Amino acid sequence: MINTWVTLINRYTSEIIDQIIVKGIDQVGQWYNRGQFYEDMMFLLTTIYQCHQGGNNFMRTTVINHCFNLLPPQVFNEKEISEVKYLTSRLNTVSNWEKICKKSTRCRFVYWIRSLFPFIFDMIMSDNKRPNQMNYFLMALNDPLEMLWNVKHLERPNIAVDNYKKEIFKGFQDKVIKPICRRVEEDIRL
């Protein structure tokens, strides 16, 4: 569903940019006589136009920015250039929404508060309305793994990963598994 909206927004934004580029192509055709300069300007404008025809990505955005930097200021006025830059940044944001969301919601910081894991496990398990939050907390505990696999100060990065997993398992075992086992054992004895 979201990707359908992303596609529609990309098409609409690209069409607006294309209209501005076509206007620039018309202006170059009116202002300049045929010759090398004319051909160079037309090549830059058609490159920008063609780059907006496909999907947005880093390479296309880089090519578009380089082409705009090579165009003389007479081709587009400041308003048109700022509008194209704004629409291109909007296009980039919409196209990379998944990366942006992932980066904005990552929980790597939990590695640095790992001494609090047993208390957090205890807090979740002590309230009957909170056990559904355990899943979210466990997913957050997974985020630092990518960072730990990239450590350089240890001989092998799996040492850091294994130590982190042991800390999580110890806190989980002490504050979740053992209390559940005690409760089950008490219920069976009764």
C-alpha atoms as a PDB file:
ATOM      1  CA  MET A   1       0.000   0.000   0.000  1.00  0.00           C
ATOM      2  CA  ILE A   2       2.717   2.475   1.009  1.00  0.00           C
ATOM      3  CA  ASN A   3       4.821   1.572  -2.038  1.00  0.00           C
ATOM      4  CA  THR A   4       1.847   2.335  -4.288  1.00  0.00           C
ATOM      5  CA  TRP A   5       1.640   5.805  -2.765  1.00  0.00           C
ATOM      6  CA  VAL A   6       5.402   6.222  -3.131  1.00  0.00           C
ATOM      7  CA  THR A   7       5.129   5.359  -6.833  1.00  0.00           C
ATOM      8  CA  LEU A   8       2.273   7.830  -7.359  1.00  0.00           C
ATOM      9  CA  ILE A   9       4.088  10.634  -5.505  1.00  0.00           C
ATOM     10  CA  ASN A  10       7.265   9.920  -7.499  1.00  0.00           C
ATOM     11  CA  ARG A  11       5.362  10.091 -10.790  1.00  0.00           C
ATOM     12  CA  TYR A  12       3.608  13.312  -9.873  1.00  0.00           C
ATOM     13  CA  THR A  13       6.803  14.980  -8.613  1.00  0.00           C
ATOM     14  CA  SER A  14       8.771  13.835 -11.663  1.00  0.00           C
ATOM     15  CA  GLU A  15       6.081  15.225 -13.966  1.00  0.00           C
ATOM     16  CA  ILE A  16       6.332  18.648 -12.318  1.00  0.00           C
ATOM     17  CA  ILE A  17      10.122  18.588 -12.625  1.00  0.00           C
ATOM     18  CA  ASP A  18       9.832  17.449 -16.248  1.00  0.00           C
ATOM     19  CA  GLN A  19       7.562  20.416 -17.044  1.00  0.00           C
ATOM     20  CA  ILE A  20      10.202  22.793 -15.688  1.00  0.00           C
ATOM     21  CA  ILE A  21      12.955  21.023 -17.658  1.00  0.00           C
ATOM     22  CA  VAL A  22      10.921  21.152 -20.886  1.00  0.00           C
ATOM     23  CA  LYS A  23      10.459  24.893 -20.332  1.00  0.00           C
ATOM     24  CA  GLY A  24      14.267  25.171 -20.019  1.00  0.00           C
ATOM     25  CA  ILE A  25      14.723  23.176 -23.243  1.00  0.00           C
ATOM     26  CA  ASP A  26      12.363  25.590 -25.026  1.00  0.00           C
ATOM     27  CA  GLN A  27      14.272  28.596 -23.666  1.00  0.00           C
ATOM     28  CA  VAL A  28      17.616  27.206 -24.822  1.00  0.00           C
ATOM     29  CA  GLY A  29      16.108  26.600 -28.267  1.00  0.00           C
ATOM     30  CA  GLN A  30      14.950  30.231 -28.471  1.00  0.00           C
ATOM     31  CA  TRP A  31      18.062  31.933 -27.077  1.00  0.00           C
ATOM     32  CA  TYR A  32      20.968  30.149 -28.632  1.00  0.00           C
ATOM     33  CA  ASN A  33      21.915  29.544 -32.234  1.00  0.00           C
ATOM     34  CA  ARG A  34      22.762  26.095 -33.297  1.00  0.00           C
ATOM     35  CA  GLY A  35      26.335  25.219 -32.502  1.00  0.00           C
ATOM     36  CA  GLN A  36      28.463  23.466 -29.870  1.00  0.00           C
ATOM     37  CA  PHE A  37      27.136  25.529 -26.928  1.00  0.00           C
ATOM     38  CA  TYR A  38      23.539  24.829 -27.970  1.00  0.00           C
ATOM     39  CA  GLU A  39      24.260  21.118 -28.306  1.00  0.00           C
ATOM     40  CA  ASP A  40      25.972  21.027 -24.908  1.00  0.00           C
ATOM     41  CA  MET A  41      23.032  22.768 -23.219  1.00  0.00           C
ATOM     42  CA  MET A  42      20.524  20.483 -24.924  1.00  0.00           C
ATOM     43  CA  PHE A  43      22.560  17.447 -23.898  1.00  0.00           C
ATOM     44  CA  LEU A  44      22.576  18.577 -20.238  1.00  0.00           C
ATOM     45  CA  LEU A  45      18.841  19.284 -20.273  1.00  0.00           C
ATOM     46  CA  THR A  46      17.937  16.000 -21.965  1.00  0.00           C
ATOM     47  CA  THR A  47      20.176  14.154 -19.479  1.00  0.00           C
ATOM     48  CA  ILE A  48      18.304  15.791 -16.596  1.00  0.00           C
ATOM     49  CA  TYR A  49      14.988  14.973 -18.268  1.00  0.00           C
ATOM     50  CA  GLN A  50      15.936  11.335 -18.872  1.00  0.00           C
ATOM     51  CA  CYS A  51      17.223  10.895 -15.319  1.00  0.00           C
ATOM     52  CA  HIS A  52      13.816  11.906 -14.000  1.00  0.00           C
ATOM     53  CA  GLN A  53      12.085   9.357 -16.249  1.00  0.00           C
ATOM     54  CA  GLY A  54      13.380   6.382 -14.253  1.00  0.00           C
ATOM     55  CA  GLY A  55      13.212   5.665 -10.567  1.00  0.00           C
ATOM     56  CA  ASN A  56      14.989   7.987  -8.176  1.00  0.00           C
ATOM     57  CA  ASN A  57      18.299   6.818  -6.755  1.00  0.00           C
ATOM     58  CA  PHE A  58      21.603   8.264  -5.569  1.00  0.00           C
ATOM     59  CA  MET A  59      23.348   7.961  -8.938  1.00  0.00           C
ATOM     60  CA  ARG A  60      20.579   9.734 -10.854  1.00  0.00           C
ATOM     61  CA  THR A  61      20.407  12.500  -8.250  1.00  0.00           C
ATOM     62  CA  THR A  62      24.174  13.002  -8.512  1.00  0.00           C
ATOM     63  CA  VAL A  63      24.005  13.228 -12.319  1.00  0.00           C
ATOM     64  CA  ILE A  64      21.105  15.705 -12.123  1.00  0.00           C
ATOM     65  CA  ASN A  65      22.979  17.897  -9.626  1.00  0.00           C
ATOM     66  CA  HIS A  66      26.129  17.907 -11.797  1.00  0.00           C
ATOM     67  CA  CYS A  67      24.110  18.822 -14.883  1.00  0.00           C
ATOM     68  CA  PHE A  68      22.431  21.705 -13.025  1.00  0.00           C
ATOM     69  CA  ASN A  69      25.826  22.949 -11.882  1.00  0.00           C
ATOM     70  CA  LEU A  70      27.019  23.064 -15.496  1.00  0.00           C
ATOM     71  CA  LEU A  71      23.992  24.982 -16.803  1.00  0.00           C
ATOM     72  CA  PRO A  72      24.372  28.759 -17.146  1.00  0.00           C
ATOM     73  CA  PRO A  73      22.051  30.861 -14.956  1.00  0.00           C
ATOM     74  CA  GLN A  74      20.084  32.147 -17.964  1.00  0.00           C
ATOM     75  CA  VAL A  75      18.463  28.762 -18.632  1.00  0.00           C
ATOM     76  CA  PHE A  76      16.426  28.707 -15.399  1.00  0.00           C
ATOM     77  CA  ASN A  77      15.512  31.525 -13.069  1.00  0.00           C
ATOM     78  CA  GLU A  78      16.148  31.240  -9.320  1.00  0.00           C
ATOM     79  CA  LYS A  79      12.551  30.267  -8.581  1.00  0.00           C
ATOM     80  CA  GLU A  80      12.662  27.369 -11.053  1.00  0.00           C
ATOM     81  CA  ILE A  81      16.014  26.122  -9.769  1.00  0.00           C
ATOM     82  CA  SER A  82      14.892  26.272  -6.136  1.00  0.00           C
ATOM     83  CA  GLU A  83      11.641  24.493  -7.054  1.00  0.00           C
ATOM     84  CA  VAL A  84      13.518  21.722  -8.874  1.00  0.00           C
ATOM     85  CA  LYS A  85      15.932  21.338  -5.933  1.00  0.00           C
ATOM     86  CA  TYR A  86      13.032  21.181  -3.481  1.00  0.00           C
ATOM     87  CA  LEU A  87      11.124  18.652  -5.591  1.00  0.00           C
ATOM     88  CA  THR A  88      14.256  16.556  -6.088  1.00  0.00           C
ATOM     89  CA  SER A  89      14.891  16.471  -2.331  1.00  0.00           C
ATOM     90  CA  ARG A  90      11.223  15.552  -1.791  1.00  0.00           C
ATOM     91  CA  LEU A  91      11.568  12.819  -4.390  1.00  0.00           C
ATOM     92  CA  ASN A  92      14.665  11.536  -2.613  1.00  0.00           C
ATOM     93  CA  THR A  93      12.902  11.524   0.764  1.00  0.00           C
ATOM     94  CA  VAL A  94       9.847   9.710  -0.552  1.00  0.00           C
ATOM     95  CA  SER A  95      11.939   7.173  -2.467  1.00  0.00           C
ATOM     96  CA  ASN A  96      14.096   6.348   0.561  1.00  0.00           C
ATOM     97  CA  TRP A  97      11.342   6.293   3.169  1.00  0.00           C
ATOM     98  CA  GLU A  98      12.255   2.791   4.366  1.00  0.00           C
ATOM     99  CA  LYS A  99      15.908   3.686   5.011  1.00  0.00           C
ATOM    100  CA  ILE A 100      14.899   6.899   6.744  1.00  0.00           C
ATOM    101  CA  CYS A 101      12.400   5.091   8.992  1.00  0.00           C
ATOM    102  CA  LYS A 102      14.909   2.377   9.825  1.00  0.00           C
ATOM    103  CA  LYS A 103      17.586   4.919  10.685  1.00  0.00           C
ATOM    104  CA  SER A 104      15.182   7.046  12.717  1.00  0.00           C
ATOM    105  CA  THR A 105      13.828   4.157  14.768  1.00  0.00           C
ATOM    106  CA  ARG A 106      16.941   2.105  15.399  1.00  0.00           C
ATOM    107  CA  CYS A 107      17.724   1.326  19.006  1.00  0.00           C
ATOM    108  CA  ARG A 108      21.492   0.903  19.030  1.00  0.00           C
ATOM    109  CA  PHE A 109      21.642   2.969  22.208  1.00  0.00           C
ATOM    110  CA  VAL A 110      20.299   0.021  24.237  1.00  0.00           C
ATOM    111  CA  TYR A 111      23.763  -1.512  24.101  1.00  0.00           C
ATOM    112  CA  TRP A 112      25.007   1.277  26.364  1.00  0.00           C
ATOM    113  CA  ILE A 113      22.245   0.694  28.920  1.00  0.00           C
ATOM    114  CA  ARG A 114      22.653  -3.075  29.054  1.00  0.00           C
ATOM    115  CA  SER A 115      23.159  -2.977  32.818  1.00  0.00           C
ATOM    116  CA  LEU A 116      19.481  -1.983  33.021  1.00  0.00           C
ATOM    117  CA  PHE A 117      18.225  -5.013  31.063  1.00  0.00           C
ATOM    118  CA  PRO A 118      17.376  -7.076  34.179  1.00  0.00           C
ATOM    119  CA  PHE A 119      15.366  -4.156  35.623  1.00  0.00           C
ATOM    120  CA  ILE A 120      13.529  -3.619  32.342  1.00  0.00           C
ATOM    121  CA  PHE A 121      12.726  -7.345  32.091  1.00  0.00           C
ATOM    122  CA  ASP A 122      11.523  -7.253  35.692  1.00  0.00           C
ATOM    123  CA  MET A 123       9.408  -4.143  35.058  1.00  0.00           C
ATOM    124  CA  ILE A 124       7.762  -5.729  32.003  1.00  0.00           C
ATOM    125  CA  MET A 125       7.047  -9.003  33.765  1.00  0.00           C
ATOM    126  CA  SER A 126       5.767  -7.427  36.997  1.00  0.00           C
ATOM    127  CA  ASP A 127       2.808  -5.732  35.276  1.00  0.00           C
ATOM    128  CA  ASN A 128       0.131  -8.055  33.859  1.00  0.00           C
ATOM    129  CA  LYS A 129      -0.698  -5.536  31.127  1.00  0.00           C
ATOM    130  CA  ARG A 130       2.863  -5.267  29.826  1.00  0.00           C
ATOM    131  CA  PRO A 131       4.027  -8.703  28.619  1.00  0.00           C
ATOM    132  CA  ASN A 132       3.090  -7.755  25.055  1.00  0.00           C
ATOM    133  CA  GLN A 133       5.867  -5.122  25.291  1.00  0.00           C
ATOM    134  CA  MET A 134       8.437  -7.903  25.690  1.00  0.00           C
ATOM    135  CA  ASN A 135       8.403  -8.537  21.939  1.00  0.00           C
ATOM    136  CA  TYR A 136       9.203  -4.891  21.185  1.00  0.00           C
ATOM    137  CA  PHE A 137      11.965  -4.776  23.771  1.00  0.00           C
ATOM    138  CA  LEU A 138      13.535  -7.948  22.394  1.00  0.00           C
ATOM    139  CA  MET A 139      13.440  -6.465  18.874  1.00  0.00           C
ATOM    140  CA  ALA A 140      15.169  -3.341  20.220  1.00  0.00           C
ATOM    141  CA  LEU A 141      17.846  -5.553  21.798  1.00  0.00           C
ATOM    142  CA  ASN A 142      18.573  -6.909  18.323  1.00  0.00           C
ATOM    143  CA  ASP A 143      19.536  -3.493  16.866  1.00  0.00           C
ATOM    144  CA  PRO A 144      23.051  -3.208  18.389  1.00  0.00           C
ATOM    145  CA  LEU A 145      24.133  -6.478  16.746  1.00  0.00           C
ATOM    146  CA  GLU A 146      24.958  -4.791  13.432  1.00  0.00           C
ATOM    147  CA  MET A 147      27.113  -2.274  15.273  1.00  0.00           C
ATOM    148  CA  LEU A 148      28.856  -5.010  17.285  1.00  0.00           C
ATOM    149  CA  TRP A 149      29.712  -7.004  14.169  1.00  0.00           C
ATOM    150  CA  ASN A 150      31.715  -3.979  12.996  1.00  0.00           C
ATOM    151  CA  VAL A 151      33.932  -3.521  16.084  1.00  0.00           C
ATOM    152  CA  LYS A 152      37.624  -3.172  15.306  1.00  0.00           C
ATOM    153  CA  HIS A 153      39.192  -3.220  18.763  1.00  0.00           C
ATOM    154  CA  LEU A 154      38.740  -6.959  19.268  1.00  0.00           C
ATOM    155  CA  GLU A 155      40.495  -9.758  17.445  1.00  0.00           C
ATOM    156  CA  ARG A 156      37.148 -11.094  16.244  1.00  0.00           C
ATOM    157  CA  PRO A 157      33.839  -9.207  16.363  1.00  0.00           C
ATOM    158  CA  ASN A 158      31.898 -12.310  17.376  1.00  0.00           C
ATOM    159  CA  ILE A 159      33.467 -11.966  20.843  1.00  0.00           C
ATOM    160  CA  ALA A 160      31.546  -8.716  21.388  1.00  0.00           C
ATOM    161  CA  VAL A 161      28.370 -10.236  19.957  1.00  0.00           C
ATOM    162  CA  ASP A 162      28.645 -13.346  22.137  1.00  0.00           C
ATOM    163  CA  ASN A 163      29.250 -11.273  25.290  1.00  0.00           C
ATOM    164  CA  TYR A 164      26.249  -9.082  24.482  1.00  0.00           C
ATOM    165  CA  LYS A 165      24.040 -12.134  23.918  1.00  0.00           C
ATOM    166  CA  LYS A 166      25.224 -13.668  27.216  1.00  0.00           C
ATOM    167  CA  GLU A 167      24.277 -10.497  29.101  1.00  0.00           C
ATOM    168  CA  ILE A 168      20.828 -10.499  27.507  1.00  0.00           C
ATOM    169  CA  PHE A 169      20.308 -14.191  28.194  1.00  0.00           C
ATOM    170  CA  LYS A 170      21.415 -13.845  31.829  1.00  0.00           C
ATOM    171  CA  GLY A 171      18.982 -10.979  32.446  1.00  0.00           C
ATOM    172  CA  PHE A 172      16.203 -12.808  30.567  1.00  0.00           C
ATOM    173  CA  GLN A 173      16.839 -16.022  32.460  1.00  0.00           C
ATOM    174  CA  ASP A 174      16.964 -14.340  35.881  1.00  0.00           C
ATOM    175  CA  LYS A 175      13.994 -12.006  35.447  1.00  0.00           C
ATOM    176  CA  VAL A 176      11.700 -13.837  33.011  1.00  0.00           C
ATOM    177  CA  ILE A 177      12.347 -17.581  32.796  1.00  0.00           C
ATOM    178  CA  LYS A 178      13.076 -18.313  36.475  1.00  0.00           C
ATOM    179  CA  PRO A 179      10.036 -16.372  37.813  1.00  0.00           C
ATOM    180  CA  ILE A 180       7.782 -18.149  35.302  1.00  0.00           C
ATOM    181  CA  CYS A 181       9.236 -21.508  36.326  1.00  0.00           C
ATOM    182  CA  ARG A 182       8.709 -20.665  40.015  1.00  0.00           C
ATOM    183  CA  ARG A 183       5.069 -19.704  39.376  1.00  0.00           C
ATOM    184  CA  VAL A 184       4.438 -22.866  37.394  1.00  0.00           C
ATOM    185  CA  GLU A 185       6.077 -24.971  40.104  1.00  0.00           C
ATOM    186  CA  GLU A 186       3.967 -23.252  42.803  1.00  0.00           C
ATOM    187  CA  ASP A 187       0.791 -23.867  40.805  1.00  0.00           C
ATOM    188  CA  ILE A 188       1.670 -27.538  40.324  1.00  0.00           C
ATOM    189  CA  ARG A 189       2.377 -28.028  44.056  1.00  0.00           C
ATOM    190  CA  LEU A 190      -0.966 -26.542  44.991  1.00  0.00           C
END
